[in-house]
Structures are given as C-alpha cells and as structure tokens.
Amino acid sequence: MIFIIEDDELMAECISKACGTNKIKIFSNAFSAIEALNQELPELIFLDILLSGPNGFTFINEIASYPDTSQIPIVIISSLDFSGQDLENYGVVGTINKDTLVPKEIKAYVKRYTN
C-alpha cells in the first residue's frame, strides 16, 4: 500500500497514476493519514509539506515518534527546496520538486520501496 498525502487533488491524482499500482490511498490532510495508520501501515508515503492544517513536518514528527511507523519510507513532493538538508533521521528517503516532477521519479521510488 502507498499513501499519498497531498491537498491538491489534481497533483494527488497525477502522483497516483505515476505509481502504476492500484494499491493507493490518497489523503488531503495529515489528520486523516495519521488515523489511517491505525488501520494499515503503508510501504511508502509520498508527502506534500505545505498542507492545510498540520503541515508535512508535523506529520513526519508524529510518525517518527512511534516504532511501528518510524521505519516507513517517506518521499517529500514539494515546490520547496530541500537540497542540502539531512532528513534521513525522519524517514525521508528522497525529495521530488513539484515544478520538475516526471512520472519516472515516482516509479523509481515505488519500485525500490514496494513489493
């Protein structure tokens, strides 16, 4: 299962299609994604940072505080620049710039982190 946490519906659909699988759950905010973690743990999370309500960093800090969720790989998809920032301690395995996003970047993460 892959979680996509993105408040822009069109962007969420584009990420979903690029994943190439139907094992996707899309969330428009961090609250619903955190609630869903109680039901099912995803293999991979694509996360927007600038969410309405709690932002992506709040979500990352929340899941990093629990042993069963802290190991879930997270890919940040944002128009913000995260180059030079070490986010590995928070489970972030990569970042993708929304402005230059191409489907093969999404597919590469899906292939690497899911069965």
PDB file of N, CA and C in Angstrom:
ATOM      1  N   MET A   1       0.838  -1.181   0.000  1.00  0.00           N
ATOM      2  CA  MET A   1       0.000   0.000   0.000  1.00  0.00           C
ATOM      3  C   MET A   1       0.882   1.243   0.000  1.00  0.00           C
ATOM      4  N   ILE A   2       0.474   2.242  -0.748  1.00  0.00           N
ATOM      5  CA  ILE A   2       1.165   3.525  -0.818  1.00  0.00           C
ATOM      6  C   ILE A   2       0.196   4.611  -0.351  1.00  0.00           C
ATOM      7  N   PHE A   3       0.659   5.473   0.544  1.00  0.00           N
ATOM      8  CA  PHE A   3      -0.127   6.629   0.953  1.00  0.00           C
ATOM      9  C   PHE A   3       0.376   7.853   0.190  1.00  0.00           C
ATOM     10  N   ILE A   4      -0.562   8.631  -0.314  1.00  0.00           N
ATOM     11  CA  ILE A   4      -0.251   9.923  -0.916  1.00  0.00           C
ATOM     12  C   ILE A   4      -0.957  10.965  -0.075  1.00  0.00           C
ATOM     13  N   ILE A   5      -0.184  11.874   0.503  1.00  0.00           N
ATOM     14  CA  ILE A   5      -0.760  12.930   1.336  1.00  0.00           C
ATOM     15  C   ILE A   5      -0.507  14.242   0.605  1.00  0.00           C
ATOM     16  N   GLU A   6      -1.559  14.729  -0.021  1.00  0.00           N
ATOM     17  CA  GLU A   6      -1.458  15.892  -0.906  1.00  0.00           C
ATOM     18  C   GLU A   6      -2.807  16.595  -0.931  1.00  0.00           C
ATOM     19  N   ASP A   7      -2.821  17.906  -0.655  1.00  0.00           N
ATOM     20  CA  ASP A   7      -4.094  18.628  -0.624  1.00  0.00           C
ATOM     21  C   ASP A   7      -4.535  19.167  -1.985  1.00  0.00           C
ATOM     22  N   ASP A   8      -3.680  19.088  -2.984  1.00  0.00           N
ATOM     23  CA  ASP A   8      -4.059  19.461  -4.343  1.00  0.00           C
ATOM     24  C   ASP A   8      -4.555  18.193  -5.045  1.00  0.00           C
ATOM     25  N   GLU A   9      -5.847  18.130  -5.298  1.00  0.00           N
ATOM     26  CA  GLU A   9      -6.462  16.917  -5.837  1.00  0.00           C
ATOM     27  C   GLU A   9      -5.857  16.481  -7.168  1.00  0.00           C
ATOM     28  N   LEU A  10      -5.600  17.425  -8.052  1.00  0.00           N
ATOM     29  CA  LEU A  10      -5.024  17.099  -9.357  1.00  0.00           C
ATOM     30  C   LEU A  10      -3.608  16.531  -9.205  1.00  0.00           C
ATOM     31  N   MET A  11      -2.816  17.141  -8.350  1.00  0.00           N
ATOM     32  CA  MET A  11      -1.453  16.643  -8.113  1.00  0.00           C
ATOM     33  C   MET A  11      -1.495  15.246  -7.500  1.00  0.00           C
ATOM     34  N   ALA A  12      -2.415  15.017  -6.563  1.00  0.00           N
ATOM     35  CA  ALA A  12      -2.550  13.700  -5.942  1.00  0.00           C
ATOM     36  C   ALA A  12      -2.890  12.644  -6.994  1.00  0.00           C
ATOM     37  N   GLU A  13      -3.781  12.974  -7.911  1.00  0.00           N
ATOM     38  CA  GLU A  13      -4.146  12.032  -8.981  1.00  0.00           C
ATOM     39  C   GLU A  13      -2.960  11.756  -9.907  1.00  0.00           C
ATOM     40  N   CYS A  14      -2.189  12.781 -10.216  1.00  0.00           N
ATOM     41  CA  CYS A  14      -1.002  12.598 -11.070  1.00  0.00           C
ATOM     42  C   CYS A  14       0.020  11.678 -10.403  1.00  0.00           C
ATOM     43  N   ILE A  15       0.250  11.879  -9.115  1.00  0.00           N
ATOM     44  CA  ILE A  15       1.182  11.022  -8.373  1.00  0.00           C
ATOM     45  C   ILE A  15       0.653   9.592  -8.351  1.00  0.00           C
ATOM     46  N   SER A  16      -0.637   9.458  -8.108  1.00  0.00           N
ATOM     47  CA  SER A  16      -1.266   8.139  -8.056  1.00  0.00           C
ATOM     48  C   SER A  16      -1.095   7.392  -9.378  1.00  0.00           C
ATOM     49  N   LYS A  17      -1.357   8.056 -10.476  1.00  0.00           N
ATOM     50  CA  LYS A  17      -1.218   7.414 -11.794  1.00  0.00           C
ATOM     51  C   LYS A  17       0.229   7.043 -12.073  1.00  0.00           C
ATOM     52  N   ALA A  18       1.149   7.906 -11.670  1.00  0.00           N
ATOM     53  CA  ALA A  18       2.572   7.632 -11.900  1.00  0.00           C
ATOM     54  C   ALA A  18       3.060   6.429 -11.101  1.00  0.00           C
ATOM     55  N   CYS A  19       2.399   6.124  -9.986  1.00  0.00           N
ATOM     56  CA  CYS A  19       2.810   4.976  -9.175  1.00  0.00           C
ATOM     57  C   CYS A  19       2.633   3.655  -9.926  1.00  0.00           C
ATOM     58  N   GLY A  20       1.663   3.595 -10.806  1.00  0.00           N
ATOM     59  CA  GLY A  20       1.458   2.389 -11.590  1.00  0.00           C
ATOM     60  C   GLY A  20       0.871   1.225 -10.820  1.00  0.00           C
ATOM     61  N   THR A  21       0.156   1.495  -9.762  1.00  0.00           N
ATOM     62  CA  THR A  21      -0.476   0.444  -8.970  1.00  0.00           C
ATOM     63  C   THR A  21      -1.830   0.937  -8.476  1.00  0.00           C
ATOM     64  N   ASN A  22      -2.698   0.007  -8.148  1.00  0.00           N
ATOM     65  CA  ASN A  22      -3.990   0.407  -7.590  1.00  0.00           C
ATOM     66  C   ASN A  22      -3.997   0.306  -6.062  1.00  0.00           C
ATOM     67  N   LYS A  23      -2.852  -0.008  -5.481  1.00  0.00           N
ATOM     68  CA  LYS A  23      -2.733  -0.082  -4.021  1.00  0.00           C
ATOM     69  C   LYS A  23      -2.348   1.289  -3.475  1.00  0.00           C
ATOM     70  N   ILE A  24      -3.268   2.244  -3.621  1.00  0.00           N
ATOM     71  CA  ILE A  24      -3.020   3.637  -3.252  1.00  0.00           C
ATOM     72  C   ILE A  24      -4.144   4.129  -2.355  1.00  0.00           C
ATOM     73  N   LYS A  25      -3.780   4.918  -1.372  1.00  0.00           N
ATOM     74  CA  LYS A  25      -4.767   5.664  -0.591  1.00  0.00           C
ATOM     75  C   LYS A  25      -4.326   7.124  -0.611  1.00  0.00           C
ATOM     76  N   ILE A  26      -5.260   7.995  -0.976  1.00  0.00           N
ATOM     77  CA  ILE A  26      -4.969   9.425  -1.065  1.00  0.00           C
ATOM     78  C   ILE A  26      -5.630  10.142   0.108  1.00  0.00           C
ATOM     79  N   PHE A  27      -4.860  11.027   0.739  1.00  0.00           N
ATOM     80  CA  PHE A  27      -5.353  11.822   1.859  1.00  0.00           C
ATOM     81  C   PHE A  27      -5.093  13.292   1.566  1.00  0.00           C
ATOM     82  N   SER A  28      -6.057  14.124   1.875  1.00  0.00           N
ATOM     83  CA  SER A  28      -5.902  15.554   1.614  1.00  0.00           C
ATOM     84  C   SER A  28      -5.340  16.307   2.818  1.00  0.00           C
ATOM     85  N   ASN A  29      -5.172  15.601   3.934  1.00  0.00           N
ATOM     86  CA  ASN A  29      -4.598  16.250   5.113  1.00  0.00           C
ATOM     87  C   ASN A  29      -3.884  15.225   5.996  1.00  0.00           C
ATOM     88  N   ALA A  30      -3.064  15.734   6.892  1.00  0.00           N
ATOM     89  CA  ALA A  30      -2.260  14.869   7.757  1.00  0.00           C
ATOM     90  C   ALA A  30      -3.109  14.121   8.781  1.00  0.00           C
ATOM     91  N   PHE A  31      -4.181  14.749   9.272  1.00  0.00           N
ATOM     92  CA  PHE A  31      -5.033  14.095  10.269  1.00  0.00           C
ATOM     93  C   PHE A  31      -5.572  12.758   9.762  1.00  0.00           C
ATOM     94  N   SER A  32      -6.183  12.773   8.563  1.00  0.00           N
ATOM     95  CA  SER A  32      -6.776  11.524   8.069  1.00  0.00           C
ATOM     96  C   SER A  32      -5.711  10.471   7.781  1.00  0.00           C
ATOM     97  N   ALA A  33      -4.536  10.899   7.353  1.00  0.00           N
ATOM     98  CA  ALA A  33      -3.463   9.937   7.106  1.00  0.00           C
ATOM     99  C   ALA A  33      -3.003   9.297   8.414  1.00  0.00           C
ATOM    100  N   ILE A  34      -2.878  10.091   9.465  1.00  0.00           N
ATOM    101  CA  ILE A  34      -2.465   9.548  10.770  1.00  0.00           C
ATOM    102  C   ILE A  34      -3.516   8.572  11.293  1.00  0.00           C
ATOM    103  N   GLU A  35      -4.779   8.912  11.150  1.00  0.00           N
ATOM    104  CA  GLU A  35      -5.849   8.000  11.571  1.00  0.00           C
ATOM    105  C   GLU A  35      -5.785   6.684  10.803  1.00  0.00           C
ATOM    106  N   ALA A  36      -5.499   6.757   9.498  1.00  0.00           N
ATOM    107  CA  ALA A  36      -5.435   5.558   8.660  1.00  0.00           C
ATOM    108  C   ALA A  36      -4.272   4.651   9.058  1.00  0.00           C
ATOM    109  N   LEU A  37      -3.221   5.228   9.634  1.00  0.00           N
ATOM    110  CA  LEU A  37      -2.084   4.418  10.079  1.00  0.00           C
ATOM    111  C   LEU A  37      -2.480   3.439  11.176  1.00  0.00           C
ATOM    112  N   ASN A  38      -3.557   3.729  11.880  1.00  0.00           N
ATOM    113  CA  ASN A  38      -4.052   2.801  12.903  1.00  0.00           C
ATOM    114  C   ASN A  38      -4.656   1.551  12.277  1.00  0.00           C
ATOM    115  N   GLN A  39      -5.077   1.644  11.019  1.00  0.00           N
ATOM    116  CA  GLN A  39      -5.701   0.523  10.315  1.00  0.00           C
ATOM    117  C   GLN A  39      -4.708  -0.263   9.464  1.00  0.00           C
ATOM    118  N   GLU A  40      -3.788   0.459   8.845  1.00  0.00           N
ATOM    119  CA  GLU A  40      -2.879  -0.170   7.886  1.00  0.00           C
ATOM    120  C   GLU A  40      -1.604   0.649   7.758  1.00  0.00           C
ATOM    121  N   LEU A  41      -0.463  -0.035   7.727  1.00  0.00           N
ATOM    122  CA  LEU A  41       0.816   0.636   7.539  1.00  0.00           C
ATOM    123  C   LEU A  41       1.224   0.545   6.073  1.00  0.00           C
ATOM    124  N   PRO A  42       1.483   1.675   5.449  1.00  0.00           N
ATOM    125  CA  PRO A  42       1.898   1.639   4.044  1.00  0.00           C
ATOM    126  C   PRO A  42       3.357   1.226   3.899  1.00  0.00           C
ATOM    127  N   GLU A  43       3.706   0.819   2.694  1.00  0.00           N
ATOM    128  CA  GLU A  43       5.102   0.508   2.389  1.00  0.00           C
ATOM    129  C   GLU A  43       5.882   1.771   2.058  1.00  0.00           C
ATOM    130  N   LEU A  44       5.159   2.815   1.621  1.00  0.00           N
ATOM    131  CA  LEU A  44       5.782   4.044   1.147  1.00  0.00           C
ATOM    132  C   LEU A  44       4.781   5.183   1.290  1.00  0.00           C
ATOM    133  N   ILE A  45       5.300   6.386   1.587  1.00  0.00           N
ATOM    134  CA  ILE A  45       4.455   7.580   1.684  1.00  0.00           C
ATOM    135  C   ILE A  45       5.029   8.670   0.792  1.00  0.00           C
ATOM    136  N   PHE A  46       4.180   9.232  -0.065  1.00  0.00           N
ATOM    137  CA  PHE A  46       4.514  10.447  -0.805  1.00  0.00           C
ATOM    138  C   PHE A  46       3.828  11.590  -0.062  1.00  0.00           C
ATOM    139  N   LEU A  47       4.592  12.598   0.342  1.00  0.00           N
ATOM    140  CA  LEU A  47       4.097  13.619   1.262  1.00  0.00           C
ATOM    141  C   LEU A  47       4.361  15.026   0.759  1.00  0.00           C
ATOM    142  N   ASP A  48       3.295  15.803   0.665  1.00  0.00           N
ATOM    143  CA  ASP A  48       3.413  17.240   0.432  1.00  0.00           C
ATOM    144  C   ASP A  48       3.720  17.891   1.781  1.00  0.00           C
ATOM    145  N   ILE A  49       4.498  18.947   1.771  1.00  0.00           N
ATOM    146  CA  ILE A  49       4.847  19.624   3.023  1.00  0.00           C
ATOM    147  C   ILE A  49       3.854  20.731   3.360  1.00  0.00           C
ATOM    148  N   LEU A  50       3.451  21.497   2.357  1.00  0.00           N
ATOM    149  CA  LEU A  50       2.569  22.643   2.602  1.00  0.00           C
ATOM    150  C   LEU A  50       1.110  22.211   2.543  1.00  0.00           C
ATOM    151  N   LEU A  51       0.673  21.520   3.581  1.00  0.00           N
ATOM    152  CA  LEU A  51      -0.705  21.047   3.683  1.00  0.00           C
ATOM    153  C   LEU A  51      -1.535  22.042   4.473  1.00  0.00           C
ATOM    154  N   SER A  52      -2.834  22.049   4.229  1.00  0.00           N
ATOM    155  CA  SER A  52      -3.712  22.838   5.087  1.00  0.00           C
ATOM    156  C   SER A  52      -3.861  22.074   6.403  1.00  0.00           C
ATOM    157  N   GLY A  53      -3.972  22.795   7.501  1.00  0.00           N
ATOM    158  CA  GLY A  53      -3.966  22.136   8.806  1.00  0.00           C
ATOM    159  C   GLY A  53      -2.534  21.821   9.182  1.00  0.00           C
ATOM    160  N   PRO A  54      -2.318  20.740   9.916  1.00  0.00           N
ATOM    161  CA  PRO A  54      -0.936  20.375  10.253  1.00  0.00           C
ATOM    162  C   PRO A  54      -0.131  20.142   8.968  1.00  0.00           C
ATOM    163  N   ASN A  55       1.063  20.713   8.919  1.00  0.00           N
ATOM    164  CA  ASN A  55       1.863  20.565   7.699  1.00  0.00           C
ATOM    165  C   ASN A  55       2.585  19.215   7.659  1.00  0.00           C
ATOM    166  N   GLY A  56       3.309  18.993   6.588  1.00  0.00           N
ATOM    167  CA  GLY A  56       4.005  17.729   6.399  1.00  0.00           C
ATOM    168  C   GLY A  56       5.048  17.444   7.465  1.00  0.00           C
ATOM    169  N   PHE A  57       5.700  18.481   7.973  1.00  0.00           N
ATOM    170  CA  PHE A  57       6.698  18.258   9.018  1.00  0.00           C
ATOM    171  C   PHE A  57       6.045  17.800  10.321  1.00  0.00           C
ATOM    172  N   THR A  58       4.854  18.290  10.606  1.00  0.00           N
ATOM    173  CA  THR A  58       4.114  17.816  11.771  1.00  0.00           C
ATOM    174  C   THR A  58       3.806  16.331  11.615  1.00  0.00           C
ATOM    175  N   PHE A  59       3.398  15.946  10.409  1.00  0.00           N
ATOM    176  CA  PHE A  59       3.124  14.536  10.123  1.00  0.00           C
ATOM    177  C   PHE A  59       4.385  13.694  10.306  1.00  0.00           C
ATOM    178  N   ILE A  60       5.492  14.153   9.748  1.00  0.00           N
ATOM    179  CA  ILE A  60       6.761  13.414   9.852  1.00  0.00           C
ATOM    180  C   ILE A  60       7.153  13.243  11.319  1.00  0.00           C
ATOM    181  N   ASN A  61       7.071  14.300  12.101  1.00  0.00           N
ATOM    182  CA  ASN A  61       7.420  14.210  13.526  1.00  0.00           C
ATOM    183  C   ASN A  61       6.507  13.249  14.269  1.00  0.00           C
ATOM    184  N   GLU A  62       5.233  13.259  13.921  1.00  0.00           N
ATOM    185  CA  GLU A  62       4.278  12.363  14.584  1.00  0.00           C
ATOM    186  C   GLU A  62       4.622  10.899  14.310  1.00  0.00           C
ATOM    187  N   ILE A  63       4.814  10.540  13.057  1.00  0.00           N
ATOM    188  CA  ILE A  63       5.062   9.119  12.779  1.00  0.00           C
ATOM    189  C   ILE A  63       6.465   8.688  13.199  1.00  0.00           C
ATOM    190  N   ALA A  64       7.396   9.633  13.276  1.00  0.00           N
ATOM    191  CA  ALA A  64       8.755   9.296  13.722  1.00  0.00           C
ATOM    192  C   ALA A  64       8.789   8.935  15.192  1.00  0.00           C
ATOM    193  N   SER A  65       7.759   9.291  15.930  1.00  0.00           N
ATOM    194  CA  SER A  65       7.760   9.054  17.379  1.00  0.00           C
ATOM    195  C   SER A  65       7.247   7.676  17.776  1.00  0.00           C
ATOM    196  N   TYR A  66       6.853   6.856  16.808  1.00  0.00           N
ATOM    197  CA  TYR A  66       6.354   5.512  17.109  1.00  0.00           C
ATOM    198  C   TYR A  66       7.186   4.468  16.369  1.00  0.00           C
ATOM    199  N   PRO A  67       7.603   3.415  17.055  1.00  0.00           N
ATOM    200  CA  PRO A  67       8.465   2.405  16.424  1.00  0.00           C
ATOM    201  C   PRO A  67       7.846   1.751  15.190  1.00  0.00           C
ATOM    202  N   ASP A  68       6.546   1.501  15.194  1.00  0.00           N
ATOM    203  CA  ASP A  68       5.938   0.794  14.062  1.00  0.00           C
ATOM    204  C   ASP A  68       5.767   1.682  12.825  1.00  0.00           C
ATOM    205  N   THR A  69       5.778   2.995  12.991  1.00  0.00           N
ATOM    206  CA  THR A  69       5.621   3.877  11.829  1.00  0.00           C
ATOM    207  C   THR A  69       6.916   4.604  11.462  1.00  0.00           C
ATOM    208  N   SER A  70       7.872   4.625  12.354  1.00  0.00           N
ATOM    209  CA  SER A  70       9.100   5.393  12.108  1.00  0.00           C
ATOM    210  C   SER A  70       9.946   4.822  10.974  1.00  0.00           C
ATOM    211  N   GLN A  71       9.714   3.581  10.604  1.00  0.00           N
ATOM    212  CA  GLN A  71      10.513   2.951   9.550  1.00  0.00           C
ATOM    213  C   GLN A  71       9.877   3.055   8.165  1.00  0.00           C
ATOM    214  N   ILE A  72       8.729   3.701   8.048  1.00  0.00           N
ATOM    215  CA  ILE A  72       8.068   3.837   6.747  1.00  0.00           C
ATOM    216  C   ILE A  72       8.825   4.872   5.920  1.00  0.00           C
ATOM    217  N   PRO A  73       9.278   4.502   4.722  1.00  0.00           N
ATOM    218  CA  PRO A  73       9.991   5.472   3.885  1.00  0.00           C
ATOM    219  C   PRO A  73       9.048   6.575   3.396  1.00  0.00           C
ATOM    220  N   ILE A  74       9.548   7.806   3.439  1.00  0.00           N
ATOM    221  CA  ILE A  74       8.777   8.980   3.035  1.00  0.00           C
ATOM    222  C   ILE A  74       9.510   9.688   1.900  1.00  0.00           C
ATOM    223  N   VAL A  75       8.767  10.040   0.865  1.00  0.00           N
ATOM    224  CA  VAL A  75       9.289  10.862  -0.216  1.00  0.00           C
ATOM    225  C   VAL A  75       8.536  12.181  -0.166  1.00  0.00           C
ATOM    226  N   ILE A  76       9.270  13.263   0.033  1.00  0.00           N
ATOM    227  CA  ILE A  76       8.657  14.588   0.050  1.00  0.00           C
ATOM    228  C   ILE A  76       8.483  15.062  -1.390  1.00  0.00           C
ATOM    229  N   ILE A  77       7.268  15.506  -1.697  1.00  0.00           N
ATOM    230  CA  ILE A  77       6.997  16.112  -3.002  1.00  0.00           C
ATOM    231  C   ILE A  77       6.547  17.536  -2.727  1.00  0.00           C
ATOM    232  N   SER A  78       7.387  18.510  -3.094  1.00  0.00           N
ATOM    233  CA  SER A  78       7.117  19.893  -2.726  1.00  0.00           C
ATOM    234  C   SER A  78       7.782  20.844  -3.706  1.00  0.00           C
ATOM    235  N   SER A  79       7.274  22.051  -3.767  1.00  0.00           N
ATOM    236  CA  SER A  79       7.930  23.085  -4.564  1.00  0.00           C
ATOM    237  C   SER A  79       9.023  23.786  -3.747  1.00  0.00           C
ATOM    238  N   LEU A  80       9.122  23.454  -2.468  1.00  0.00           N
ATOM    239  CA  LEU A  80      10.185  23.993  -1.620  1.00  0.00           C
ATOM    240  C   LEU A  80      11.499  23.283  -1.921  1.00  0.00           C
ATOM    241  N   ASP A  81      12.594  23.958  -1.699  1.00  0.00           N
ATOM    242  CA  ASP A  81      13.914  23.396  -1.962  1.00  0.00           C
ATOM    243  C   ASP A  81      14.489  22.784  -0.686  1.00  0.00           C
ATOM    244  N   PHE A  82      14.727  21.478  -0.729  1.00  0.00           N
ATOM    245  CA  PHE A  82      15.284  20.780   0.430  1.00  0.00           C
ATOM    246  C   PHE A  82      16.714  20.303   0.191  1.00  0.00           C
ATOM    247  N   SER A  83      17.346  20.794  -0.863  1.00  0.00           N
ATOM    248  CA  SER A  83      18.716  20.366  -1.142  1.00  0.00           C
ATOM    249  C   SER A  83      19.630  20.797   0.004  1.00  0.00           C
ATOM    250  N   GLY A  84      20.529  19.922   0.345  1.00  0.00           N
ATOM    251  CA  GLY A  84      21.469  20.193   1.417  1.00  0.00           C
ATOM    252  C   GLY A  84      20.925  19.941   2.812  1.00  0.00           C
ATOM    253  N   GLN A  85      19.672  19.546   2.927  1.00  0.00           N
ATOM    254  CA  GLN A  85      19.104  19.264   4.244  1.00  0.00           C
ATOM    255  C   GLN A  85      19.095  17.762   4.490  1.00  0.00           C
ATOM    256  N   ASP A  86      19.552  17.371   5.658  1.00  0.00           N
ATOM    257  CA  ASP A  86      19.598  15.963   6.023  1.00  0.00           C
ATOM    258  C   ASP A  86      18.294  15.586   6.727  1.00  0.00           C
ATOM    259  N   LEU A  87      17.435  14.873   6.012  1.00  0.00           N
ATOM    260  CA  LEU A  87      16.136  14.491   6.554  1.00  0.00           C
ATOM    261  C   LEU A  87      16.032  12.985   6.792  1.00  0.00           C
ATOM    262  N   GLU A  88      17.135  12.258   6.627  1.00  0.00           N
ATOM    263  CA  GLU A  88      17.117  10.805   6.778  1.00  0.00           C
ATOM    264  C   GLU A  88      16.679  10.362   8.167  1.00  0.00           C
ATOM    265  N   ASN A  89      17.030  11.108   9.193  1.00  0.00           N
ATOM    266  CA  ASN A  89      16.652  10.735  10.556  1.00  0.00           C
ATOM    267  C   ASN A  89      15.145  10.744  10.753  1.00  0.00           C
ATOM    268  N   TYR A  90      14.426  11.361   9.838  1.00  0.00           N
ATOM    269  CA  TYR A  90      12.966  11.425   9.918  1.00  0.00           C
ATOM    270  C   TYR A  90      12.293  10.442   8.968  1.00  0.00           C
ATOM    271  N   GLY A  91      13.065   9.551   8.373  1.00  0.00           N
ATOM    272  CA  GLY A  91      12.496   8.558   7.468  1.00  0.00           C
ATOM    273  C   GLY A  91      12.354   9.034   6.042  1.00  0.00           C
ATOM    274  N   VAL A  92      12.854  10.228   5.746  1.00  0.00           N
ATOM    275  CA  VAL A  92      12.752  10.766   4.392  1.00  0.00           C
ATOM    276  C   VAL A  92      13.844  10.138   3.529  1.00  0.00           C
ATOM    277  N   VAL A  93      13.412   9.424   2.487  1.00  0.00           N
ATOM    278  CA  VAL A  93      14.356   8.731   1.611  1.00  0.00           C
ATOM    279  C   VAL A  93      14.628   9.510   0.333  1.00  0.00           C
ATOM    280  N   GLY A  94      13.877  10.586   0.114  1.00  0.00           N
ATOM    281  CA  GLY A  94      14.104  11.393  -1.076  1.00  0.00           C
ATOM    282  C   GLY A  94      13.146  12.560  -1.156  1.00  0.00           C
ATOM    283  N   THR A  95      13.481  13.476  -2.051  1.00  0.00           N
ATOM    284  CA  THR A  95      12.610  14.617  -2.316  1.00  0.00           C
ATOM    285  C   THR A  95      12.434  14.757  -3.820  1.00  0.00           C
ATOM    286  N   ILE A  96      11.256  15.196  -4.210  1.00  0.00           N
ATOM    287  CA  ILE A  96      10.953  15.458  -5.613  1.00  0.00           C
ATOM    288  C   ILE A  96      10.374  16.867  -5.687  1.00  0.00           C
ATOM    289  N   ASN A  97      10.892  17.658  -6.597  1.00  0.00           N
ATOM    290  CA  ASN A  97      10.401  19.011  -6.794  1.00  0.00           C
ATOM    291  C   ASN A  97       9.140  18.966  -7.645  1.00  0.00           C
ATOM    292  N   LYS A  98       8.055  19.531  -7.156  1.00  0.00           N
ATOM    293  CA  LYS A  98       6.787  19.542  -7.893  1.00  0.00           C
ATOM    294  C   LYS A  98       6.908  20.237  -9.243  1.00  0.00           C
ATOM    295  N   ASP A  99       7.761  21.243  -9.305  1.00  0.00           N
ATOM    296  CA  ASP A  99       7.884  22.030 -10.533  1.00  0.00           C
ATOM    297  C   ASP A  99       8.561  21.264 -11.661  1.00  0.00           C
ATOM    298  N   THR A 100       9.349  20.255 -11.320  1.00  0.00           N
ATOM    299  CA  THR A 100      10.071  19.500 -12.345  1.00  0.00           C
ATOM    300  C   THR A 100       9.749  18.007 -12.309  1.00  0.00           C
ATOM    301  N   LEU A 101       8.727  17.628 -11.564  1.00  0.00           N
ATOM    302  CA  LEU A 101       8.348  16.229 -11.381  1.00  0.00           C
ATOM    303  C   LEU A 101       8.075  15.529 -12.718  1.00  0.00           C
ATOM    304  N   VAL A 102       8.636  14.347 -12.862  1.00  0.00           N
ATOM    305  CA  VAL A 102       8.334  13.483 -14.006  1.00  0.00           C
ATOM    306  C   VAL A 102       7.931  12.111 -13.458  1.00  0.00           C
ATOM    307  N   PRO A 103       7.007  11.427 -14.125  1.00  0.00           N
ATOM    308  CA  PRO A 103       6.499  10.144 -13.614  1.00  0.00           C
ATOM    309  C   PRO A 103       7.580   9.117 -13.288  1.00  0.00           C
ATOM    310  N   LYS A 104       8.670   9.096 -14.043  1.00  0.00           N
ATOM    311  CA  LYS A 104       9.691   8.070 -13.792  1.00  0.00           C
ATOM    312  C   LYS A 104      10.338   8.223 -12.416  1.00  0.00           C
ATOM    313  N   GLU A 105      10.356   9.453 -11.851  1.00  0.00           N
ATOM    314  CA  GLU A 105      10.882   9.639 -10.493  1.00  0.00           C
ATOM    315  C   GLU A 105       9.991   8.924  -9.481  1.00  0.00           C
ATOM    316  N   ILE A 106       8.684   9.075  -9.652  1.00  0.00           N
ATOM    317  CA  ILE A 106       7.716   8.414  -8.767  1.00  0.00           C
ATOM    318  C   ILE A 106       7.872   6.900  -8.895  1.00  0.00           C
ATOM    319  N   LYS A 107       7.900   6.418 -10.127  1.00  0.00           N
ATOM    320  CA  LYS A 107       8.001   4.969 -10.377  1.00  0.00           C
ATOM    321  C   LYS A 107       9.263   4.375  -9.770  1.00  0.00           C
ATOM    322  N   ALA A 108      10.364   5.114  -9.809  1.00  0.00           N
ATOM    323  CA  ALA A 108      11.621   4.615  -9.250  1.00  0.00           C
ATOM    324  C   ALA A 108      11.492   4.378  -7.742  1.00  0.00           C
ATOM    325  N   TYR A 109      10.845   5.293  -7.035  1.00  0.00           N
ATOM    326  CA  TYR A 109      10.637   5.101  -5.597  1.00  0.00           C
ATOM    327  C   TYR A 109       9.681   3.945  -5.326  1.00  0.00           C
ATOM    328  N   VAL A 110       8.635   3.840  -6.121  1.00  0.00           N
ATOM    329  CA  VAL A 110       7.672   2.734  -5.948  1.00  0.00           C
ATOM    330  C   VAL A 110       8.395   1.405  -6.152  1.00  0.00           C
ATOM    331  N   LYS A 111       9.182   1.304  -7.184  1.00  0.00           N
ATOM    332  CA  LYS A 111       9.902   0.063  -7.469  1.00  0.00           C
ATOM    333  C   LYS A 111      10.888  -0.282  -6.349  1.00  0.00           C
ATOM    334  N   ARG A 112      11.540   0.734  -5.822  1.00  0.00           N
ATOM    335  CA  ARG A 112      12.557   0.498  -4.801  1.00  0.00           C
ATOM    336  C   ARG A 112      11.974   0.108  -3.437  1.00  0.00           C
ATOM    337  N   TYR A 113      10.825   0.692  -3.068  1.00  0.00           N
ATOM    338  CA  TYR A 113      10.334   0.532  -1.705  1.00  0.00           C
ATOM    339  C   TYR A 113       9.070  -0.306  -1.547  1.00  0.00           C
ATOM    340  N   THR A 114       8.515  -0.826  -2.634  1.00  0.00           N
ATOM    341  CA  THR A 114       7.317  -1.663  -2.509  1.00  0.00           C
ATOM    342  C   THR A 114       7.560  -3.020  -3.156  1.00  0.00           C
ATOM    343  N   ASN A 115       6.720  -3.958  -2.775  1.00  0.00           N
ATOM    344  CA  ASN A 115       6.845  -5.316  -3.333  1.00  0.00           C
ATOM    345  C   ASN A 115       6.056  -5.446  -4.611  1.00  0.00           C
TER     346      ASN A 115
END
